[in-house]
Amino acid sequence: MKRLGFGVAAIVFILDQLVKYWIMNVVHLAERGYIELLPFFRLTYVGNIGVSMGLFRANSDLGRWALVAVTGAIAGAVAVWIGREKARIDVLALGLVLGGALGNIVDRVRFGYVVDFLHFFWGEHSFWVFNVADAAITAGVLLLLSRALFANKNEALSR
């Protein structure tokens, strides 16, 4: 099971970093600001100094490194959980979370912020701008939550 979890984490991490490299160094989105792609989707460059959805902004070096430390601790806990988890679907979900967390940690260490660029909107309503790592973390957490909320009671008792 460990191989599955850490393999998924590695794939998410590599994909996240490759896409961010492409966004920054091939597309040069930071210089362009945004690129319209569909009537409801664009690539919009955002250097996110906060955590999820820009909350808890780290406006100083101390804040930046505190976020790196907290996210690193969470990633460490998830890695330990992967090593102990027996349910394949939970290991998969944890791998998504770990890979995403590591991708965003690397951004924060390298740049001082997380590179976000995927931007959905509808008319005048703009949704959050996010990245591949954020999507993986969200998918992993939703999968874990749905398993916790809707798991068969017999399955839970047999674990």
N, C-alpha and C. Protein backbone atom coordinates (compact mmCIF):
# COMPACT_ATOMS: atom_id res chain seq x y z
N MET A 1 0.82 -1.21 0.00
CA MET A 1 0.00 0.00 0.00
C MET A 1 0.86 1.26 0.00
N LYS A 2 1.99 1.19 0.69
CA LYS A 2 2.86 2.36 0.74
C LYS A 2 3.25 2.82 -0.66
N ARG A 3 3.56 1.83 -1.52
CA ARG A 3 3.99 2.18 -2.88
C ARG A 3 2.91 2.94 -3.63
N LEU A 4 1.66 2.51 -3.45
CA LEU A 4 0.55 3.20 -4.10
C LEU A 4 0.47 4.65 -3.63
N GLY A 5 0.45 4.85 -2.32
CA GLY A 5 0.31 6.20 -1.77
C GLY A 5 1.46 7.11 -2.16
N PHE A 6 2.67 6.62 -2.01
CA PHE A 6 3.82 7.46 -2.34
C PHE A 6 3.99 7.60 -3.85
N GLY A 7 3.56 6.60 -4.61
CA GLY A 7 3.57 6.72 -6.07
C GLY A 7 2.61 7.78 -6.57
N VAL A 8 1.39 7.78 -6.01
CA VAL A 8 0.41 8.81 -6.37
C VAL A 8 0.95 10.18 -5.97
N ALA A 9 1.52 10.27 -4.78
CA ALA A 9 2.09 11.55 -4.32
C ALA A 9 3.17 12.04 -5.28
N ALA A 10 4.03 11.13 -5.73
CA ALA A 10 5.10 11.52 -6.65
C ALA A 10 4.54 11.99 -7.99
N ILE A 11 3.54 11.29 -8.49
CA ILE A 11 2.92 11.69 -9.77
C ILE A 11 2.28 13.07 -9.66
N VAL A 12 1.53 13.29 -8.59
CA VAL A 12 0.89 14.60 -8.38
C VAL A 12 1.95 15.69 -8.27
N PHE A 13 2.98 15.44 -7.47
CA PHE A 13 4.05 16.42 -7.28
C PHE A 13 4.72 16.77 -8.60
N ILE A 14 5.11 15.76 -9.36
CA ILE A 14 5.80 15.99 -10.63
C ILE A 14 4.89 16.72 -11.61
N LEU A 15 3.66 16.27 -11.73
CA LEU A 15 2.71 16.93 -12.64
C LEU A 15 2.50 18.39 -12.24
N ASP A 16 2.32 18.65 -10.96
CA ASP A 16 2.14 20.01 -10.46
C ASP A 16 3.34 20.89 -10.81
N GLN A 17 4.53 20.40 -10.55
CA GLN A 17 5.72 21.20 -10.81
C GLN A 17 5.97 21.39 -12.31
N LEU A 18 5.68 20.38 -13.11
CA LEU A 18 5.84 20.53 -14.57
C LEU A 18 4.86 21.56 -15.13
N VAL A 19 3.61 21.50 -14.69
CA VAL A 19 2.62 22.46 -15.17
C VAL A 19 2.98 23.87 -14.72
N LYS A 20 3.43 24.02 -13.49
CA LYS A 20 3.85 25.36 -13.01
C LYS A 20 5.06 25.86 -13.80
N TYR A 21 5.99 24.98 -14.10
CA TYR A 21 7.14 25.37 -14.93
C TYR A 21 6.64 25.88 -16.28
N TRP A 22 5.73 25.13 -16.91
CA TRP A 22 5.18 25.50 -18.20
C TRP A 22 4.47 26.86 -18.13
N ILE A 23 3.66 27.04 -17.09
CA ILE A 23 2.91 28.30 -16.91
C ILE A 23 3.87 29.48 -16.77
N MET A 24 4.95 29.30 -16.01
CA MET A 24 5.86 30.42 -15.72
C MET A 24 6.92 30.63 -16.80
N ASN A 25 7.44 29.55 -17.38
CA ASN A 25 8.60 29.67 -18.26
C ASN A 25 8.33 29.48 -19.74
N VAL A 26 7.21 28.89 -20.09
CA VAL A 26 6.87 28.72 -21.49
C VAL A 26 5.75 29.70 -21.87
N VAL A 27 4.69 29.69 -21.11
CA VAL A 27 3.55 30.58 -21.37
C VAL A 27 3.85 32.01 -20.90
N HIS A 28 4.71 32.16 -19.90
CA HIS A 28 5.05 33.46 -19.29
C HIS A 28 3.78 34.15 -18.79
N LEU A 29 2.98 33.38 -18.06
CA LEU A 29 1.70 33.90 -17.59
C LEU A 29 1.86 35.07 -16.62
N ALA A 30 2.94 35.09 -15.85
CA ALA A 30 3.15 36.20 -14.91
C ALA A 30 3.22 37.53 -15.66
N GLU A 31 3.86 37.54 -16.80
CA GLU A 31 3.98 38.76 -17.60
C GLU A 31 2.67 39.10 -18.31
N ARG A 32 1.95 38.08 -18.72
CA ARG A 32 0.72 38.28 -19.48
C ARG A 32 -0.48 38.57 -18.58
N GLY A 33 -0.44 38.08 -17.34
CA GLY A 33 -1.55 38.28 -16.42
C GLY A 33 -2.61 37.21 -16.52
N TYR A 34 -3.22 37.10 -17.70
CA TYR A 34 -4.22 36.06 -17.91
C TYR A 34 -4.35 35.75 -19.40
N ILE A 35 -4.93 34.57 -19.65
CA ILE A 35 -5.22 34.14 -21.02
C ILE A 35 -6.63 33.57 -21.02
N GLU A 36 -7.50 34.17 -21.82
CA GLU A 36 -8.87 33.66 -21.95
C GLU A 36 -8.85 32.36 -22.74
N LEU A 37 -9.49 31.32 -22.24
CA LEU A 37 -9.55 30.05 -22.95
C LEU A 37 -10.98 29.64 -23.30
N LEU A 38 -11.90 29.80 -22.36
CA LEU A 38 -13.30 29.45 -22.56
C LEU A 38 -14.17 30.54 -21.94
N PRO A 39 -15.44 30.58 -22.26
CA PRO A 39 -16.31 31.61 -21.68
C PRO A 39 -16.42 31.54 -20.15
N PHE A 40 -15.94 30.45 -19.55
CA PHE A 40 -16.03 30.28 -18.10
C PHE A 40 -14.69 29.91 -17.46
N PHE A 41 -13.61 29.92 -18.26
CA PHE A 41 -12.30 29.49 -17.75
C PHE A 41 -11.18 30.27 -18.41
N ARG A 42 -10.23 30.69 -17.58
CA ARG A 42 -9.03 31.35 -18.09
C ARG A 42 -7.84 30.95 -17.23
N LEU A 43 -6.67 31.15 -17.76
CA LEU A 43 -5.45 31.03 -16.97
C LEU A 43 -5.16 32.41 -16.41
N THR A 44 -5.11 32.54 -15.11
CA THR A 44 -4.87 33.82 -14.45
C THR A 44 -3.73 33.64 -13.46
N TYR A 45 -2.67 34.39 -13.61
CA TYR A 45 -1.51 34.25 -12.71
C TYR A 45 -1.79 34.92 -11.38
N VAL A 46 -1.61 34.15 -10.30
CA VAL A 46 -1.73 34.68 -8.94
C VAL A 46 -0.59 34.11 -8.11
N GLY A 47 0.15 34.98 -7.44
CA GLY A 47 1.14 34.55 -6.46
C GLY A 47 0.46 34.56 -5.10
N ASN A 48 0.00 33.40 -4.65
CA ASN A 48 -0.80 33.29 -3.43
C ASN A 48 0.10 33.19 -2.20
N ILE A 49 0.10 34.24 -1.37
CA ILE A 49 0.91 34.22 -0.15
C ILE A 49 0.15 33.66 1.05
N GLY A 50 -1.10 33.27 0.83
CA GLY A 50 -1.89 32.69 1.90
C GLY A 50 -1.99 31.19 1.76
N VAL A 51 -2.88 30.62 2.54
CA VAL A 51 -3.15 29.18 2.39
C VAL A 51 -4.39 29.05 1.52
N SER A 52 -5.18 28.04 1.72
CA SER A 52 -6.34 27.79 0.87
C SER A 52 -7.15 29.03 0.61
N MET A 53 -7.39 29.29 -0.69
CA MET A 53 -8.23 30.39 -1.15
C MET A 53 -7.74 31.75 -0.64
N GLY A 54 -6.44 31.87 -0.40
CA GLY A 54 -5.87 33.14 0.00
C GLY A 54 -6.10 33.50 1.46
N LEU A 55 -6.62 32.59 2.25
CA LEU A 55 -6.84 32.87 3.67
C LEU A 55 -5.51 32.85 4.42
N PHE A 56 -5.46 33.50 5.56
CA PHE A 56 -4.27 33.51 6.43
C PHE A 56 -3.02 33.90 5.66
N ARG A 57 -3.05 35.10 5.14
CA ARG A 57 -1.95 35.59 4.32
C ARG A 57 -0.67 35.74 5.13
N ALA A 58 0.43 35.26 4.57
CA ALA A 58 1.75 35.36 5.20
C ALA A 58 2.48 36.54 4.57
N ASN A 59 2.36 37.69 5.19
CA ASN A 59 2.91 38.92 4.63
C ASN A 59 4.36 39.18 5.03
N SER A 60 4.98 38.24 5.73
CA SER A 60 6.36 38.42 6.18
C SER A 60 7.14 37.13 5.99
N ASP A 61 8.46 37.22 6.13
CA ASP A 61 9.27 36.00 6.04
C ASP A 61 8.91 35.03 7.16
N LEU A 62 8.63 35.55 8.34
CA LEU A 62 8.23 34.69 9.45
C LEU A 62 6.95 33.94 9.10
N GLY A 63 5.96 34.64 8.55
CA GLY A 63 4.71 34.01 8.15
C GLY A 63 4.93 32.97 7.06
N ARG A 64 5.77 33.31 6.11
CA ARG A 64 6.07 32.37 5.01
C ARG A 64 6.65 31.08 5.55
N TRP A 65 7.68 31.19 6.40
CA TRP A 65 8.34 29.99 6.92
C TRP A 65 7.46 29.25 7.93
N ALA A 66 6.58 29.98 8.61
CA ALA A 66 5.62 29.32 9.49
C ALA A 66 4.67 28.45 8.68
N LEU A 67 4.21 28.97 7.53
CA LEU A 67 3.34 28.18 6.65
C LEU A 67 4.08 26.97 6.09
N VAL A 68 5.36 27.14 5.75
CA VAL A 68 6.16 26.01 5.27
C VAL A 68 6.25 24.96 6.38
N ALA A 69 6.50 25.40 7.61
CA ALA A 69 6.64 24.45 8.73
C ALA A 69 5.33 23.72 9.02
N VAL A 70 4.22 24.46 9.05
CA VAL A 70 2.92 23.84 9.34
C VAL A 70 2.54 22.86 8.22
N THR A 71 2.70 23.30 6.98
CA THR A 71 2.37 22.43 5.85
C THR A 71 3.30 21.22 5.83
N GLY A 72 4.56 21.42 6.17
CA GLY A 72 5.51 20.30 6.24
C GLY A 72 5.12 19.31 7.32
N ALA A 73 4.67 19.80 8.46
CA ALA A 73 4.22 18.91 9.54
C ALA A 73 3.00 18.11 9.11
N ILE A 74 2.07 18.78 8.44
CA ILE A 74 0.88 18.08 7.94
C ILE A 74 1.29 17.03 6.91
N ALA A 75 2.20 17.38 6.00
CA ALA A 75 2.67 16.42 5.00
C ALA A 75 3.34 15.23 5.69
N GLY A 76 4.11 15.48 6.73
CA GLY A 76 4.74 14.40 7.48
C GLY A 76 3.72 13.48 8.11
N ALA A 77 2.68 14.06 8.70
CA ALA A 77 1.61 13.26 9.31
C ALA A 77 0.89 12.42 8.27
N VAL A 78 0.65 13.01 7.10
CA VAL A 78 -0.01 12.27 6.01
C VAL A 78 0.89 11.12 5.55
N ALA A 79 2.20 11.35 5.46
CA ALA A 79 3.13 10.30 5.05
C ALA A 79 3.10 9.13 6.04
N VAL A 80 3.06 9.44 7.33
CA VAL A 80 2.97 8.39 8.34
C VAL A 80 1.65 7.64 8.20
N TRP A 81 0.57 8.38 7.97
CA TRP A 81 -0.75 7.78 7.79
C TRP A 81 -0.75 6.82 6.59
N ILE A 82 -0.12 7.24 5.50
CA ILE A 82 -0.02 6.36 4.33
C ILE A 82 0.64 5.05 4.71
N GLY A 83 1.71 5.13 5.51
CA GLY A 83 2.42 3.93 5.93
C GLY A 83 1.60 2.99 6.78
N ARG A 84 0.59 3.51 7.45
CA ARG A 84 -0.23 2.70 8.35
C ARG A 84 -1.58 2.30 7.77
N GLU A 85 -2.03 3.01 6.76
CA GLU A 85 -3.38 2.79 6.20
C GLU A 85 -3.44 1.48 5.42
N LYS A 86 -4.55 0.78 5.56
CA LYS A 86 -4.75 -0.51 4.88
C LYS A 86 -5.74 -0.42 3.71
N ALA A 87 -6.64 0.55 3.74
CA ALA A 87 -7.66 0.68 2.69
C ALA A 87 -7.06 1.37 1.46
N ARG A 88 -7.12 0.68 0.33
CA ARG A 88 -6.52 1.19 -0.91
C ARG A 88 -7.05 2.59 -1.28
N ILE A 89 -8.35 2.80 -1.19
CA ILE A 89 -8.93 4.09 -1.60
C ILE A 89 -8.45 5.22 -0.68
N ASP A 90 -8.28 4.91 0.60
CA ASP A 90 -7.77 5.92 1.53
C ASP A 90 -6.31 6.23 1.25
N VAL A 91 -5.54 5.21 0.91
CA VAL A 91 -4.13 5.42 0.55
C VAL A 91 -4.03 6.29 -0.70
N LEU A 92 -4.89 6.02 -1.67
CA LEU A 92 -4.94 6.84 -2.88
C LEU A 92 -5.24 8.30 -2.53
N ALA A 93 -6.26 8.51 -1.71
CA ALA A 93 -6.65 9.87 -1.30
C ALA A 93 -5.50 10.56 -0.56
N LEU A 94 -4.86 9.84 0.33
CA LEU A 94 -3.74 10.42 1.09
C LEU A 94 -2.57 10.76 0.16
N GLY A 95 -2.35 9.94 -0.86
CA GLY A 95 -1.31 10.24 -1.84
C GLY A 95 -1.59 11.53 -2.59
N LEU A 96 -2.87 11.76 -2.92
CA LEU A 96 -3.26 13.02 -3.57
C LEU A 96 -2.95 14.21 -2.66
N VAL A 97 -3.30 14.08 -1.39
CA VAL A 97 -3.07 15.16 -0.43
C VAL A 97 -1.57 15.41 -0.26
N LEU A 98 -0.80 14.34 -0.08
CA LEU A 98 0.64 14.49 0.13
C LEU A 98 1.32 15.12 -1.08
N GLY A 99 1.02 14.63 -2.27
CA GLY A 99 1.65 15.20 -3.47
C GLY A 99 1.33 16.66 -3.65
N GLY A 100 0.07 17.03 -3.41
CA GLY A 100 -0.32 18.43 -3.51
C GLY A 100 0.36 19.30 -2.48
N ALA A 101 0.41 18.81 -1.25
CA ALA A 101 1.07 19.58 -0.18
C ALA A 101 2.54 19.81 -0.52
N LEU A 102 3.21 18.78 -0.98
CA LEU A 102 4.64 18.93 -1.33
C LEU A 102 4.84 19.90 -2.48
N GLY A 103 3.95 19.86 -3.47
CA GLY A 103 4.06 20.81 -4.58
C GLY A 103 3.94 22.25 -4.12
N ASN A 104 3.00 22.51 -3.23
CA ASN A 104 2.82 23.88 -2.73
C ASN A 104 3.93 24.30 -1.78
N ILE A 105 4.48 23.34 -1.02
CA ILE A 105 5.62 23.65 -0.15
C ILE A 105 6.81 24.10 -0.99
N VAL A 106 7.08 23.38 -2.07
CA VAL A 106 8.21 23.73 -2.93
C VAL A 106 8.03 25.14 -3.49
N ASP A 107 6.84 25.49 -3.91
CA ASP A 107 6.57 26.85 -4.40
C ASP A 107 6.89 27.88 -3.32
N ARG A 108 6.37 27.65 -2.13
CA ARG A 108 6.54 28.62 -1.06
C ARG A 108 8.02 28.79 -0.69
N VAL A 109 8.79 27.70 -0.72
CA VAL A 109 10.22 27.78 -0.44
C VAL A 109 10.93 28.52 -1.57
N ARG A 110 10.63 28.16 -2.83
CA ARG A 110 11.32 28.77 -3.98
C ARG A 110 10.95 30.23 -4.21
N PHE A 111 9.65 30.54 -4.16
CA PHE A 111 9.18 31.85 -4.58
C PHE A 111 8.68 32.74 -3.44
N GLY A 112 8.34 32.14 -2.32
CA GLY A 112 7.73 32.90 -1.23
C GLY A 112 6.22 32.91 -1.32
N TYR A 113 5.68 32.26 -2.32
CA TYR A 113 4.23 32.17 -2.53
C TYR A 113 3.94 30.93 -3.36
N VAL A 114 2.67 30.59 -3.45
CA VAL A 114 2.24 29.44 -4.25
C VAL A 114 1.72 29.97 -5.59
N VAL A 115 2.15 29.36 -6.67
CA VAL A 115 1.73 29.76 -8.02
C VAL A 115 0.36 29.15 -8.31
N ASP A 116 -0.64 30.01 -8.47
CA ASP A 116 -2.00 29.60 -8.83
C ASP A 116 -2.32 30.16 -10.20
N PHE A 117 -3.14 29.44 -10.98
CA PHE A 117 -3.40 29.89 -12.35
C PHE A 117 -4.71 29.38 -12.96
N LEU A 118 -5.33 28.38 -12.40
CA LEU A 118 -6.58 27.84 -12.95
C LEU A 118 -7.75 28.66 -12.41
N HIS A 119 -8.49 29.31 -13.28
CA HIS A 119 -9.48 30.30 -12.86
C HIS A 119 -10.82 30.06 -13.56
N PHE A 120 -11.78 29.57 -12.80
CA PHE A 120 -13.13 29.41 -13.31
C PHE A 120 -13.98 30.60 -12.89
N PHE A 121 -14.92 30.99 -13.73
CA PHE A 121 -15.81 32.11 -13.42
C PHE A 121 -17.10 31.92 -14.18
N TRP A 122 -18.12 32.64 -13.78
CA TRP A 122 -19.40 32.61 -14.47
C TRP A 122 -19.94 34.03 -14.49
N GLY A 123 -19.95 34.63 -15.66
CA GLY A 123 -20.38 36.03 -15.76
C GLY A 123 -19.47 36.91 -14.92
N GLU A 124 -20.07 37.64 -14.01
CA GLU A 124 -19.30 38.52 -13.12
C GLU A 124 -18.82 37.80 -11.87
N HIS A 125 -19.26 36.55 -11.67
CA HIS A 125 -18.88 35.81 -10.47
C HIS A 125 -17.58 35.05 -10.72
N SER A 126 -16.56 35.37 -9.95
CA SER A 126 -15.25 34.73 -10.08
C SER A 126 -15.05 33.75 -8.95
N PHE A 127 -14.64 32.52 -9.31
CA PHE A 127 -14.31 31.52 -8.31
C PHE A 127 -12.83 31.63 -7.98
N TRP A 128 -12.37 30.89 -7.01
CA TRP A 128 -10.97 30.97 -6.60
C TRP A 128 -10.05 30.53 -7.71
N VAL A 129 -8.85 31.08 -7.70
CA VAL A 129 -7.80 30.68 -8.62
C VAL A 129 -6.97 29.62 -7.88
N PHE A 130 -6.69 28.51 -8.55
CA PHE A 130 -6.00 27.41 -7.88
C PHE A 130 -5.01 26.75 -8.84
N ASN A 131 -4.39 25.66 -8.40
CA ASN A 131 -3.41 24.96 -9.23
C ASN A 131 -3.64 23.45 -9.15
N VAL A 132 -2.77 22.68 -9.81
CA VAL A 132 -2.90 21.23 -9.83
C VAL A 132 -2.80 20.66 -8.41
N ALA A 133 -1.86 21.17 -7.62
CA ALA A 133 -1.68 20.69 -6.24
C ALA A 133 -2.95 20.92 -5.43
N ASP A 134 -3.54 22.10 -5.55
CA ASP A 134 -4.78 22.41 -4.82
C ASP A 134 -5.90 21.46 -5.23
N ALA A 135 -6.00 21.18 -6.53
CA ALA A 135 -7.04 20.27 -7.02
C ALA A 135 -6.84 18.87 -6.44
N ALA A 136 -5.59 18.41 -6.38
CA ALA A 136 -5.30 17.09 -5.83
C ALA A 136 -5.63 17.03 -4.34
N ILE A 137 -5.24 18.08 -3.61
CA ILE A 137 -5.54 18.13 -2.17
C ILE A 137 -7.05 18.09 -1.96
N THR A 138 -7.77 18.90 -2.71
CA THR A 138 -9.23 18.95 -2.58
C THR A 138 -9.86 17.60 -2.90
N ALA A 139 -9.42 16.98 -3.99
CA ALA A 139 -9.97 15.66 -4.36
C ALA A 139 -9.66 14.63 -3.27
N GLY A 140 -8.44 14.65 -2.75
CA GLY A 140 -8.08 13.70 -1.70
C GLY A 140 -8.88 13.89 -0.43
N VAL A 141 -9.04 15.13 -0.01
CA VAL A 141 -9.81 15.42 1.21
C VAL A 141 -11.27 15.04 1.01
N LEU A 142 -11.85 15.38 -0.14
CA LEU A 142 -13.25 15.02 -0.40
C LEU A 142 -13.44 13.51 -0.42
N LEU A 143 -12.49 12.80 -0.97
CA LEU A 143 -12.55 11.34 -0.99
C LEU A 143 -12.50 10.78 0.43
N LEU A 144 -11.58 11.30 1.25
CA LEU A 144 -11.50 10.86 2.65
C LEU A 144 -12.77 11.18 3.42
N LEU A 145 -13.30 12.38 3.21
CA LEU A 145 -14.53 12.77 3.90
C LEU A 145 -15.72 11.92 3.47
N SER A 146 -15.83 11.66 2.18
CA SER A 146 -16.96 10.84 1.71
C SER A 146 -16.85 9.43 2.24
N ARG A 147 -15.64 8.91 2.31
CA ARG A 147 -15.45 7.57 2.88
C ARG A 147 -15.81 7.56 4.36
N ALA A 148 -15.43 8.60 5.07
CA ALA A 148 -15.74 8.66 6.50
C ALA A 148 -17.24 8.81 6.74
N LEU A 149 -17.90 9.60 5.91
CA LEU A 149 -19.32 9.85 6.10
C LEU A 149 -20.21 8.72 5.60
N PHE A 150 -19.80 8.07 4.52
CA PHE A 150 -20.68 7.09 3.88
C PHE A 150 -20.17 5.66 3.93
N ALA A 151 -19.12 5.41 4.69
CA ALA A 151 -18.57 4.06 4.77
C ALA A 151 -19.59 3.11 5.39
N ASN A 152 -19.60 1.93 4.90
CA ASN A 152 -20.46 0.89 5.43
C ASN A 152 -20.04 0.60 6.88
N LYS A 153 -20.98 0.57 7.80
CA LYS A 153 -20.67 0.35 9.21
C LYS A 153 -19.96 -0.99 9.41
N ASN A 154 -20.34 -2.01 8.67
CA ASN A 154 -19.67 -3.32 8.79
C ASN A 154 -18.22 -3.24 8.36
N GLU A 155 -17.95 -2.44 7.31
CA GLU A 155 -16.58 -2.26 6.85
C GLU A 155 -15.75 -1.58 7.93
N ALA A 156 -16.34 -0.54 8.55
CA ALA A 156 -15.63 0.20 9.60
C ALA A 156 -15.32 -0.71 10.80
N LEU A 157 -16.25 -1.58 11.15
CA LEU A 157 -16.07 -2.47 12.28
C LEU A 157 -15.03 -3.55 12.00
N SER A 158 -14.89 -3.95 10.74
CA SER A 158 -13.97 -5.03 10.41
C SER A 158 -12.54 -4.53 10.24
N ARG A 159 -12.31 -3.26 10.23
CA ARG A 159 -10.96 -2.72 10.04
C ARG A 159 -10.12 -2.80 11.24
